[in-house]
Amino acid sequence: MPPIPSKAQTEDSATFDPDKYFEAWSKQEYQPPYDNDFRKFIIRTFGLPIRDDYGYMAQNAEVTLLTAQTYLDVGAQNNLHAWYRDAEGEQREPPNATDIAAYTDIFRPTTNTSKALTALGSNAKKDSIRVDVAKHLQSHYHPPAADAKLVVNKSKSHVNPYFDLWAWTSQNLEWGGPEERTVNVRMSHAILPVLYHHFGCVCPSYEALELIRQVSRGRTVLDIGSGNGYWTYTLRRMEPASKKEKKMEVVPIDNGMSEWRTMWVGDTVQADGTEWLREHEGGKDAVLLLVYPTVGNEFTSKMIKAYHGTTIISAGSQNTSGFTAFAKETIADWVAREMPEWERVLQIPLPSFAGKDEALFVFEKKKGGESADDTAS
């Protein structure tokens, strides 16, 4: 396998710089492609050749920017926006722009998630997709207990280009959020490989990043399977709660098996995650972060079992689609059955791509809990 780049970069770009990208976004020099020219947006903001023909790979499919733009131009034709079906398998009328905005607003740094989830359902028309989305998200919503003292205050200054672009894709693809039958959706959209390569497989929300910062409580975060490092980069940007606190220390670790066009960090440790943990006392004093953990080769279970610390955080599927972690069950169900010494203390929805159903999970080892690996060691 080729070595992971030792500097932040975008392949075929001589101008990409993560800090400058975020700075330009904060000044609104870069904005989502409201003219729907996604291809031009990617070329301009990442400094790519005008006739770019890079092949973006994802789940055995390859697209170019031109292909992705062609699919966007086609719109809903050929069932390309068929995210919602009824019990008989018939396609449902897509949600309107207002309902889609109500869904994406849940994740904005200026809103309260709990209140936004309530409003999503209470202000919805009977038998609408919005009702079903609200019911589904509320049924999986597990905010932190009051005694955990995890409070996410609103922010007007948080910068997250991926979120803004994701919100644009939701409107463009007529996606109003996951519901009970989303688990049956097997295909997504041609623009997603492009998003994966440039930003990552799942979009972090401000709430998710802030909760990770608070949960870590000054401990190092081990981002194992860090991919192109977007989560590592955004976590490092999070502001401490006080001047006495330091910024988050995040160690990105990845085996380099997957190719990414953009790398947001230049210090990724190229290593097998389980071997790295074994060589570093199982990361006992750190937090384990698994962002969109792969299903193959028992990746998730191997990482969890090799970890000797007390906090596991995962960002991935909250349904049994098999897109992340485990093929036929959620990570929460697997932990409950296989790791009784751990408990889920938090589960909140994440911005989900069209056809996906994603959440942030936090598991803590119970006091006095001891795993089989701990005993063996």
Protein backbone atom coordinates (compact mmCIF):
# COMPACT_ATOMS: atom_id res chain seq x y z
CA MET A 1 0.00 0.00 0.00
CA PRO A 2 1.27 3.54 -0.73
CA PRO A 3 2.35 5.69 2.24
CA ILE A 4 -0.18 8.15 3.63
CA PRO A 5 0.76 11.72 2.61
CA SER A 6 2.82 13.50 5.25
CA LYS A 7 1.11 16.82 4.65
CA ALA A 8 -2.43 18.09 4.21
CA GLN A 9 -3.21 18.13 0.51
CA THR A 10 -5.65 17.53 -2.31
CA GLU A 11 -4.39 15.44 -5.19
CA ASP A 12 -3.90 17.56 -8.36
CA SER A 13 -4.20 20.80 -6.37
CA ALA A 14 -1.33 23.17 -5.71
CA THR A 15 -3.36 25.58 -3.59
CA PHE A 16 -5.38 23.54 -1.07
CA ASP A 17 -4.68 24.43 2.56
CA PRO A 18 -7.10 23.35 5.34
CA ASP A 19 -6.73 26.49 7.44
CA LYS A 20 -7.17 28.77 4.44
CA TYR A 21 -10.17 26.72 3.31
CA PHE A 22 -11.92 27.20 6.66
CA GLU A 23 -10.93 30.86 6.77
CA ALA A 24 -12.38 31.46 3.30
CA TRP A 25 -15.56 29.65 4.35
CA SER A 26 -15.91 31.77 7.50
CA LYS A 27 -15.65 34.89 5.33
CA GLN A 28 -18.26 33.44 2.93
CA GLU A 29 -15.76 33.47 0.09
CA TYR A 30 -16.75 29.83 -0.42
CA GLN A 31 -20.38 28.82 -0.22
CA PRO A 32 -22.40 25.76 -1.23
CA PRO A 33 -23.23 25.64 -4.96
CA TYR A 34 -26.58 27.36 -4.82
CA ASP A 35 -26.50 27.54 -8.61
CA ASN A 36 -26.40 23.69 -8.44
CA ASP A 37 -23.05 23.55 -10.24
CA PHE A 38 -21.46 21.08 -7.85
CA ARG A 39 -18.62 20.28 -10.24
CA LYS A 40 -17.58 23.92 -10.47
CA PHE A 41 -17.80 24.25 -6.68
CA ILE A 42 -15.39 21.36 -6.05
CA ILE A 43 -12.98 22.52 -8.75
CA ARG A 44 -12.95 26.10 -7.48
CA THR A 45 -12.73 25.53 -3.75
CA PHE A 46 -10.12 22.76 -3.90
CA GLY A 47 -8.09 24.35 -6.71
CA LEU A 48 -8.47 21.54 -9.25
CA PRO A 49 -7.85 21.52 -13.01
CA ILE A 50 -10.82 22.82 -15.01
CA ARG A 51 -11.02 19.57 -16.97
CA ASP A 52 -10.58 17.38 -13.91
CA ASP A 53 -11.24 13.69 -14.60
CA TYR A 54 -10.22 12.10 -11.28
CA GLY A 55 -12.04 8.83 -10.54
CA TYR A 56 -13.71 8.93 -7.12
CA MET A 57 -14.02 5.41 -5.72
CA ALA A 58 -16.57 4.36 -3.09
CA GLN A 59 -18.10 0.91 -2.44
CA ASN A 60 -16.91 -0.56 -5.75
CA ALA A 61 -18.27 2.38 -7.76
CA GLU A 62 -16.29 5.11 -9.50
CA VAL A 63 -17.53 8.51 -10.61
CA THR A 64 -15.95 11.68 -11.95
CA LEU A 65 -17.04 15.22 -11.22
CA LEU A 66 -18.71 15.32 -14.62
CA THR A 67 -20.64 12.12 -13.84
CA ALA A 68 -21.75 13.46 -10.47
CA GLN A 69 -22.90 16.72 -12.04
CA THR A 70 -24.80 14.85 -14.75
CA TYR A 71 -26.74 12.93 -12.09
CA LEU A 72 -27.51 16.20 -10.29
CA ASP A 73 -28.76 17.76 -13.54
CA VAL A 74 -31.10 14.81 -14.12
CA GLY A 75 -32.72 15.50 -10.76
CA ALA A 76 -35.41 13.10 -9.59
CA GLN A 77 -35.76 11.31 -12.93
CA ASN A 78 -35.26 7.55 -13.07
CA ASN A 79 -36.06 7.26 -9.34
CA LEU A 80 -32.80 8.96 -8.37
CA HIS A 81 -34.58 10.62 -5.42
CA ALA A 82 -36.63 7.59 -4.40
CA TRP A 83 -35.60 7.64 -0.74
CA TYR A 84 -39.08 7.04 0.65
CA ARG A 85 -41.50 4.20 -0.05
CA ASP A 86 -44.67 3.03 1.64
CA ALA A 87 -45.39 -0.44 3.07
CA GLU A 88 -46.32 -1.70 -0.41
CA GLY A 89 -43.06 -0.46 -1.90
CA GLU A 90 -44.62 2.46 -3.78
CA GLN A 91 -42.62 5.68 -3.96
CA ARG A 92 -43.93 8.44 -1.72
CA GLU A 93 -44.16 12.13 -2.57
CA PRO A 94 -40.84 13.72 -1.49
CA PRO A 95 -40.73 16.17 1.43
CA ASN A 96 -41.00 19.85 0.58
CA ALA A 97 -38.24 22.41 1.08
CA THR A 98 -39.67 23.58 4.42
CA ASP A 99 -39.70 20.09 5.88
CA ILE A 100 -36.17 19.42 4.61
CA ALA A 101 -34.96 22.65 6.22
CA ALA A 102 -36.62 21.65 9.49
CA TYR A 103 -34.60 18.43 9.41
CA THR A 104 -31.24 20.02 8.56
CA ASP A 105 -31.81 22.77 11.15
CA ILE A 106 -31.67 20.12 13.89
CA PHE A 107 -27.91 19.98 13.45
CA ARG A 108 -27.07 23.66 13.22
CA PRO A 109 -24.83 25.05 15.97
CA THR A 110 -27.44 27.72 16.66
CA THR A 111 -30.26 25.28 17.58
CA ASN A 112 -31.08 23.04 20.52
CA THR A 113 -31.33 19.45 19.30
CA SER A 114 -34.00 18.32 21.74
CA LYS A 115 -36.27 21.27 20.98
CA ALA A 116 -35.64 20.98 17.24
CA LEU A 117 -36.58 17.29 17.28
CA THR A 118 -39.79 18.09 19.11
CA ALA A 119 -40.63 20.86 16.66
CA LEU A 120 -39.91 18.55 13.72
CA GLY A 121 -42.76 16.30 14.80
CA SER A 122 -45.20 18.77 16.34
CA ASN A 123 -45.22 21.05 13.30
CA ALA A 124 -45.60 18.24 10.75
CA LYS A 125 -48.66 17.35 8.72
CA LYS A 126 -50.37 14.07 9.53
CA ASP A 127 -49.08 11.06 7.56
CA SER A 128 -46.18 13.08 6.14
CA ILE A 129 -42.59 11.92 5.73
CA ARG A 130 -41.65 14.60 8.23
CA VAL A 131 -43.79 12.88 10.88
CA ASP A 132 -42.11 9.56 10.20
CA VAL A 133 -38.63 11.11 10.34
CA ALA A 134 -39.38 12.84 13.64
CA LYS A 135 -40.81 9.64 15.15
CA HIS A 136 -37.78 7.63 14.04
CA LEU A 137 -35.17 10.11 15.28
CA GLN A 138 -36.94 10.61 18.61
CA SER A 139 -37.15 6.85 19.17
CA HIS A 140 -33.36 6.57 18.87
CA TYR A 141 -32.53 9.79 20.70
CA HIS A 142 -30.60 9.13 23.91
CA PRO A 143 -29.20 12.43 25.22
CA PRO A 144 -26.70 12.43 28.08
CA ALA A 145 -28.08 12.13 31.60
CA ALA A 146 -28.27 15.34 33.61
CA ASP A 147 -25.64 14.14 36.09
CA ALA A 148 -23.14 13.76 33.24
CA LYS A 149 -23.04 17.56 33.08
CA LEU A 150 -22.59 17.60 29.32
CA VAL A 151 -24.09 20.85 28.11
CA VAL A 152 -23.76 22.02 24.51
CA ASN A 153 -24.23 25.75 24.30
CA LYS A 154 -25.24 27.29 21.00
CA SER A 155 -22.55 28.78 18.79
CA LYS A 156 -22.69 31.47 16.15
CA SER A 157 -19.01 31.23 15.25
CA HIS A 158 -18.58 27.52 14.54
CA VAL A 159 -17.30 26.86 11.01
CA ASN A 160 -17.99 23.54 9.30
CA PRO A 161 -17.96 23.59 5.48
CA TYR A 162 -19.06 19.96 5.30
CA PHE A 163 -22.23 20.66 7.23
CA ASP A 164 -23.23 23.56 4.99
CA LEU A 165 -22.58 21.49 1.89
CA TRP A 166 -24.49 18.54 3.37
CA ALA A 167 -27.51 20.78 4.06
CA TRP A 168 -27.39 21.88 0.41
CA THR A 169 -27.32 18.26 -0.79
CA SER A 170 -30.38 17.48 1.33
CA GLN A 171 -32.41 20.15 -0.47
CA ASN A 172 -31.04 19.22 -3.85
CA LEU A 173 -31.72 15.50 -3.43
CA GLU A 174 -35.12 16.01 -1.73
CA TRP A 175 -33.93 14.31 1.43
CA GLY A 176 -35.76 15.08 4.67
CA GLY A 177 -34.00 12.61 6.97
CA PRO A 178 -34.09 8.90 7.81
CA GLU A 179 -37.21 7.03 8.88
CA GLU A 180 -38.07 3.44 9.75
CA ARG A 181 -37.84 2.13 6.16
CA THR A 182 -34.52 3.84 5.39
CA VAL A 183 -32.88 0.58 6.45
CA ASN A 184 -34.12 -0.87 3.14
CA VAL A 185 -32.44 1.79 0.97
CA ARG A 186 -29.39 0.19 -0.61
CA MET A 187 -28.37 2.84 -3.15
CA SER A 188 -27.40 6.44 -2.58
CA HIS A 189 -26.36 9.18 -5.04
CA ALA A 190 -23.40 9.71 -7.38
CA ILE A 191 -22.21 12.83 -5.57
CA LEU A 192 -21.49 10.92 -2.36
CA PRO A 193 -18.14 9.43 -3.46
CA VAL A 194 -16.97 12.98 -4.14
CA LEU A 195 -18.08 14.11 -0.69
CA TYR A 196 -16.43 11.09 0.90
CA HIS A 197 -13.10 11.80 -0.79
CA HIS A 198 -13.00 15.50 -0.01
CA PHE A 199 -14.65 15.57 3.44
CA GLY A 200 -15.26 12.07 4.82
CA CYS A 201 -17.85 9.31 5.10
CA VAL A 202 -20.02 11.01 7.71
CA CYS A 203 -20.56 14.68 8.49
CA PRO A 204 -19.83 15.88 12.04
CA SER A 205 -22.27 18.27 13.68
CA TYR A 206 -21.21 20.98 16.11
CA GLU A 207 -23.05 19.14 18.88
CA ALA A 208 -21.17 15.90 18.15
CA LEU A 209 -17.78 17.63 18.14
CA GLU A 210 -18.54 19.54 21.33
CA LEU A 211 -19.77 16.41 23.11
CA ILE A 212 -16.59 14.56 22.12
CA ARG A 213 -14.57 17.46 23.49
CA GLN A 214 -16.43 17.38 26.79
CA VAL A 215 -16.53 13.60 27.10
CA SER A 216 -12.78 13.31 26.51
CA ARG A 217 -12.15 15.60 29.53
CA GLY A 218 -8.62 16.44 28.51
CA ARG A 219 -7.68 12.92 27.44
CA THR A 220 -6.13 12.20 24.06
CA VAL A 221 -8.61 11.05 21.41
CA LEU A 222 -7.47 8.13 19.25
CA ASP A 223 -9.18 8.52 15.87
CA ILE A 224 -8.64 4.97 14.61
CA GLY A 225 -9.63 4.49 10.99
CA SER A 226 -9.27 8.25 10.60
CA GLY A 227 -9.54 8.22 6.80
CA ASN A 228 -8.76 11.64 5.38
CA GLY A 229 -8.72 13.23 8.83
CA TYR A 230 -11.66 15.63 8.58
CA TRP A 231 -12.97 14.66 12.03
CA THR A 232 -9.48 14.92 13.50
CA TYR A 233 -9.03 18.35 11.94
CA THR A 234 -12.40 19.71 13.12
CA LEU A 235 -11.92 18.32 16.63
CA ARG A 236 -8.55 20.05 16.88
CA ARG A 237 -10.26 23.31 15.95
CA MET A 238 -12.75 23.09 18.83
CA GLU A 239 -12.28 25.88 21.36
CA PRO A 240 -11.58 24.94 25.00
CA ALA A 241 -14.21 25.89 27.58
CA SER A 242 -11.72 28.10 29.44
CA LYS A 243 -8.23 29.52 29.11
CA LYS A 244 -7.00 26.91 31.57
CA GLU A 245 -7.90 24.08 29.19
CA LYS A 246 -5.78 23.01 26.26
CA LYS A 247 -7.07 22.33 22.77
CA MET A 248 -7.92 18.73 22.05
CA GLU A 249 -5.12 16.31 21.34
CA VAL A 250 -6.25 13.94 18.58
CA VAL A 251 -4.09 11.17 17.14
CA PRO A 252 -5.25 10.03 13.66
CA ILE A 253 -4.43 6.37 12.97
CA ASP A 254 -5.20 4.63 9.68
CA ASN A 255 -3.86 1.60 7.82
CA GLY A 256 -3.92 3.44 4.49
CA MET A 257 -5.98 0.79 2.70
CA SER A 258 -8.46 3.36 1.36
CA GLU A 259 -7.60 6.18 -1.01
CA TRP A 260 -8.64 9.77 -0.27
CA ARG A 261 -8.22 12.66 -2.66
CA THR A 262 -8.07 15.24 0.13
CA MET A 263 -6.09 14.82 3.35
CA TRP A 264 -6.98 17.36 6.03
CA VAL A 265 -4.08 16.47 8.33
CA GLY A 266 -0.48 15.57 7.63
CA ASP A 267 0.38 13.56 10.74
CA THR A 268 -1.72 10.42 10.28
CA VAL A 269 -0.02 7.42 11.85
CA GLN A 270 -0.04 4.67 9.24
CA ALA A 271 -0.61 1.54 11.25
CA ASP A 272 -3.05 -1.29 11.94
CA GLY A 273 -5.28 -0.07 14.75
CA THR A 274 -5.18 -3.21 16.87
CA GLU A 275 -1.41 -3.47 16.62
CA TRP A 276 -1.03 0.21 17.53
CA LEU A 277 -3.24 -0.26 20.59
CA ARG A 278 -1.30 -3.33 21.72
CA GLU A 279 1.94 -1.39 21.42
CA HIS A 280 0.51 1.52 23.43
CA GLU A 281 -1.05 -0.20 26.46
CA GLY A 282 -4.39 -0.52 24.73
CA GLY A 283 -4.81 3.26 24.78
CA LYS A 284 -5.83 2.92 28.44
CA ASP A 285 -5.64 6.65 29.22
CA ALA A 286 -7.21 7.79 25.95
CA VAL A 287 -10.61 7.87 24.27
CA LEU A 288 -11.28 5.53 21.36
CA LEU A 289 -13.02 7.20 18.39
CA LEU A 290 -14.32 5.10 15.50
CA VAL A 291 -15.72 7.22 12.67
CA TYR A 292 -17.71 5.21 10.13
CA PRO A 293 -16.03 1.93 11.16
CA THR A 294 -15.89 -0.60 8.37
CA VAL A 295 -17.91 -3.81 8.55
CA GLY A 296 -15.31 -6.10 6.96
CA ASN A 297 -12.56 -8.09 8.70
CA GLU A 298 -14.24 -7.69 12.11
CA PHE A 299 -12.71 -4.21 12.31
CA THR A 300 -15.05 -2.81 14.95
CA SER A 301 -14.97 -5.75 17.35
CA LYS A 302 -11.17 -6.04 17.06
CA MET A 303 -10.68 -2.35 17.92
CA ILE A 304 -13.07 -2.45 20.87
CA LYS A 305 -11.51 -5.61 22.29
CA ALA A 306 -7.98 -4.27 21.89
CA TYR A 307 -8.87 -1.04 23.70
CA HIS A 308 -8.18 -0.87 27.46
CA GLY A 309 -9.58 2.56 28.23
CA THR A 310 -12.97 3.61 29.55
CA THR A 311 -14.65 5.61 26.74
CA ILE A 312 -15.62 4.47 23.25
CA ILE A 313 -17.19 6.86 20.74
CA SER A 314 -18.52 5.79 17.36
CA ALA A 315 -20.05 7.70 14.46
CA GLY A 316 -22.02 5.50 12.10
CA SER A 317 -25.28 3.72 11.27
CA GLN A 318 -28.03 3.61 13.87
CA ASN A 319 -30.06 1.11 11.88
CA THR A 320 -29.27 -2.44 10.74
CA SER A 321 -28.38 -1.50 7.16
CA GLY A 322 -24.89 -2.93 7.59
CA PHE A 323 -23.19 0.21 6.24
CA THR A 324 -20.95 0.49 9.33
CA ALA A 325 -19.64 -1.52 12.29
CA PHE A 326 -21.68 -4.74 12.02
CA ALA A 327 -23.51 -6.37 9.13
CA LYS A 328 -26.80 -7.24 10.83
CA GLU A 329 -26.97 -5.19 14.02
CA THR A 330 -26.13 -1.79 15.42
CA ILE A 331 -23.02 -1.14 17.45
CA ALA A 332 -25.28 -0.44 20.45
CA ASP A 333 -26.89 -3.88 20.22
CA TRP A 334 -23.52 -5.58 19.79
CA VAL A 335 -22.00 -3.82 22.80
CA ALA A 336 -25.05 -4.60 24.95
CA ARG A 337 -24.71 -8.32 24.16
CA GLU A 338 -20.96 -8.82 23.88
CA MET A 339 -19.63 -6.20 26.31
CA PRO A 340 -21.97 -6.12 29.36
CA GLU A 341 -19.34 -4.25 31.35
CA TRP A 342 -20.01 -1.25 29.10
CA GLU A 343 -23.09 0.94 28.85
CA ARG A 344 -24.37 3.32 26.24
CA VAL A 345 -24.53 6.77 27.81
CA LEU A 346 -25.34 8.81 24.73
CA GLN A 347 -26.79 8.46 21.24
CA ILE A 348 -27.64 11.49 19.14
CA PRO A 349 -28.48 11.77 15.43
CA LEU A 350 -25.84 12.98 12.99
CA PRO A 351 -26.41 14.74 9.67
CA SER A 352 -27.31 11.76 7.49
CA PHE A 353 -26.71 11.61 3.75
CA ALA A 354 -29.61 10.75 1.48
CA GLY A 355 -30.49 7.12 2.13
CA LYS A 356 -28.41 6.90 5.32
CA ASP A 357 -29.27 6.85 9.04
CA GLU A 358 -26.34 7.93 11.18
CA ALA A 359 -25.69 8.78 14.81
CA LEU A 360 -23.00 9.41 17.40
CA PHE A 361 -22.73 6.76 20.12
CA VAL A 362 -20.82 7.06 23.40
CA PHE A 363 -20.12 4.05 25.60
CA GLU A 364 -18.54 4.15 29.05
CA LYS A 365 -17.11 1.26 31.00
CA LYS A 366 -19.12 0.72 34.16
CA LYS A 367 -17.27 1.28 37.41
CA GLY A 368 -15.67 -1.97 38.43
CA GLY A 369 -16.31 -3.39 34.94
CA GLU A 370 -13.61 -5.66 33.60
CA SER A 371 -13.32 -7.02 30.09
CA ALA A 372 -11.90 -10.35 29.00
CA ASP A 373 -8.86 -8.63 27.51
CA ASP A 374 -8.26 -6.78 30.78
CA THR A 375 -8.30 -10.05 32.66
CA ALA A 376 -5.97 -11.68 30.15
CA SER A 377 -3.50 -8.83 30.39
